[in-house]
Amino acid sequence: MVANRTVVAAYAVLVAALAACTSEPPDEAAGVSATGVSHEQQMREMAEEFGVTDPPEVEVVREVSPDESVIVVAACMEDAGWHSEVVDGAAGYDYRAEPAAR
């Protein structure tokens, strides 16, 4: 039960952080990914996989490739005050109770 709450909390923080990373409007043509699966369907499947029964409603701000996402998430977490770094294409995040001191 605690593990599920941790996953839900981490997911919500990540989504909120990414939603705040850019002021550009969403691309109207970005409704379906290269795989032909909609963003909404991908999010429903991810929520089901992680046991999230009431995921938050969030606006898609921007879509990025999996390779680019590592850099984007790390930069966004840093902008929000959380320590993160990208080493050899993999991101590492420091999820403490409080953001890193600036």
Protein backbone atom coordinates (compact mmCIF):
# COMPACT_ATOMS: atom_id res chain seq x y z
CA MET A 1 0.00 0.00 0.00
CA VAL A 2 2.79 2.43 0.92
CA ALA A 3 4.69 1.44 -2.23
CA ASN A 4 1.63 2.27 -4.38
CA ARG A 5 1.32 5.68 -2.71
CA THR A 6 5.01 6.31 -3.35
CA VAL A 7 4.62 5.42 -7.03
CA VAL A 8 1.50 7.58 -7.35
CA ALA A 9 3.20 10.49 -5.59
CA ALA A 10 6.33 10.18 -7.74
CA TYR A 11 4.18 9.97 -10.88
CA ALA A 12 2.17 13.05 -9.86
CA VAL A 13 5.33 15.03 -9.08
CA LEU A 14 6.88 14.05 -12.39
CA VAL A 15 3.77 14.93 -14.38
CA ALA A 16 3.37 18.26 -12.57
CA ALA A 17 7.03 19.08 -13.07
CA LEU A 18 6.92 18.28 -16.76
CA ALA A 19 3.70 20.23 -17.24
CA ALA A 20 5.43 23.30 -15.82
CA CYS A 21 8.56 23.02 -17.97
CA THR A 22 7.48 24.99 -21.00
CA SER A 23 5.13 27.78 -21.89
CA GLU A 24 4.71 26.66 -25.49
CA PRO A 25 1.16 25.59 -26.45
CA PRO A 26 0.60 21.91 -27.21
CA ASP A 27 0.98 20.73 -30.79
CA GLU A 28 -2.52 20.08 -32.11
CA ALA A 29 -1.26 17.22 -34.30
CA ALA A 30 0.37 15.43 -31.36
CA GLY A 31 -2.70 13.36 -30.46
CA VAL A 32 -1.31 10.06 -31.75
CA SER A 33 2.24 8.80 -31.29
CA ALA A 34 4.42 7.17 -33.92
CA THR A 35 3.09 3.80 -32.72
CA GLY A 36 -0.48 4.86 -33.50
CA VAL A 37 -1.48 4.81 -29.82
CA SER A 38 -2.92 8.00 -28.36
CA HIS A 39 -1.29 9.73 -25.41
CA GLU A 40 -4.47 9.18 -23.41
CA GLN A 41 -4.37 5.43 -24.09
CA GLN A 42 -0.69 5.27 -23.10
CA MET A 43 -1.46 7.08 -19.83
CA ARG A 44 -4.42 4.77 -19.09
CA GLU A 45 -2.22 1.72 -19.65
CA MET A 46 0.56 3.14 -17.47
CA ALA A 47 -1.89 4.00 -14.67
CA GLU A 48 -3.30 0.46 -14.81
CA GLU A 49 0.20 -1.05 -14.78
CA PHE A 50 1.16 0.93 -11.66
CA GLY A 51 -2.20 0.50 -9.93
CA VAL A 52 -3.15 4.18 -10.13
CA THR A 53 -6.93 4.27 -9.87
CA ASP A 54 -7.47 8.04 -9.90
CA PRO A 55 -4.70 9.68 -11.97
CA PRO A 56 -4.61 13.49 -12.05
CA GLU A 57 -5.88 15.35 -15.12
CA VAL A 58 -2.95 17.12 -16.80
CA GLU A 59 -2.54 18.99 -20.06
CA VAL A 60 0.01 17.72 -22.58
CA VAL A 61 2.45 20.58 -22.98
CA ARG A 62 4.97 18.96 -25.26
CA GLU A 63 5.93 15.51 -26.52
CA VAL A 64 9.56 14.40 -26.68
CA SER A 65 11.37 11.29 -27.86
CA PRO A 66 12.51 8.73 -25.28
CA ASP A 67 16.14 9.80 -25.81
CA GLU A 68 15.31 13.49 -25.37
CA SER A 69 13.07 12.80 -22.37
CA VAL A 70 16.04 11.94 -20.14
CA ILE A 71 17.54 15.39 -20.67
CA VAL A 72 14.19 17.21 -20.47
CA VAL A 73 13.15 15.53 -17.21
CA ALA A 74 16.57 16.11 -15.61
CA ALA A 75 16.51 19.80 -16.57
CA CYS A 76 12.94 20.20 -15.36
CA MET A 77 13.71 18.55 -12.02
CA GLU A 78 16.73 20.87 -11.59
CA ASP A 79 14.56 23.89 -12.44
CA ALA A 80 12.10 22.77 -9.75
CA GLY A 81 14.92 22.51 -7.19
CA TRP A 82 15.58 18.75 -7.19
CA HIS A 83 19.07 17.41 -7.79
CA SER A 84 19.36 15.45 -11.03
CA GLU A 85 22.05 14.59 -13.51
CA VAL A 86 22.44 12.75 -16.80
CA VAL A 87 25.39 10.36 -17.04
CA ASP A 88 25.94 8.31 -20.19
CA GLY A 89 22.37 8.95 -21.34
CA ALA A 90 20.75 7.83 -18.09
CA ALA A 91 19.19 10.21 -15.59
CA GLY A 92 19.63 10.05 -11.86
CA TYR A 93 17.31 11.91 -9.50
CA ASP A 94 17.61 12.70 -5.81
CA TYR A 95 14.06 12.38 -4.42
CA ARG A 96 14.41 13.68 -0.89
CA ALA A 97 11.63 15.12 1.23
CA GLU A 98 12.77 18.65 0.32
CA PRO A 99 14.27 20.09 -2.88
CA ALA A 100 18.03 20.65 -2.97
CA ALA A 101 19.30 23.94 -1.58
CA ARG A 102 19.87 26.50 -4.31
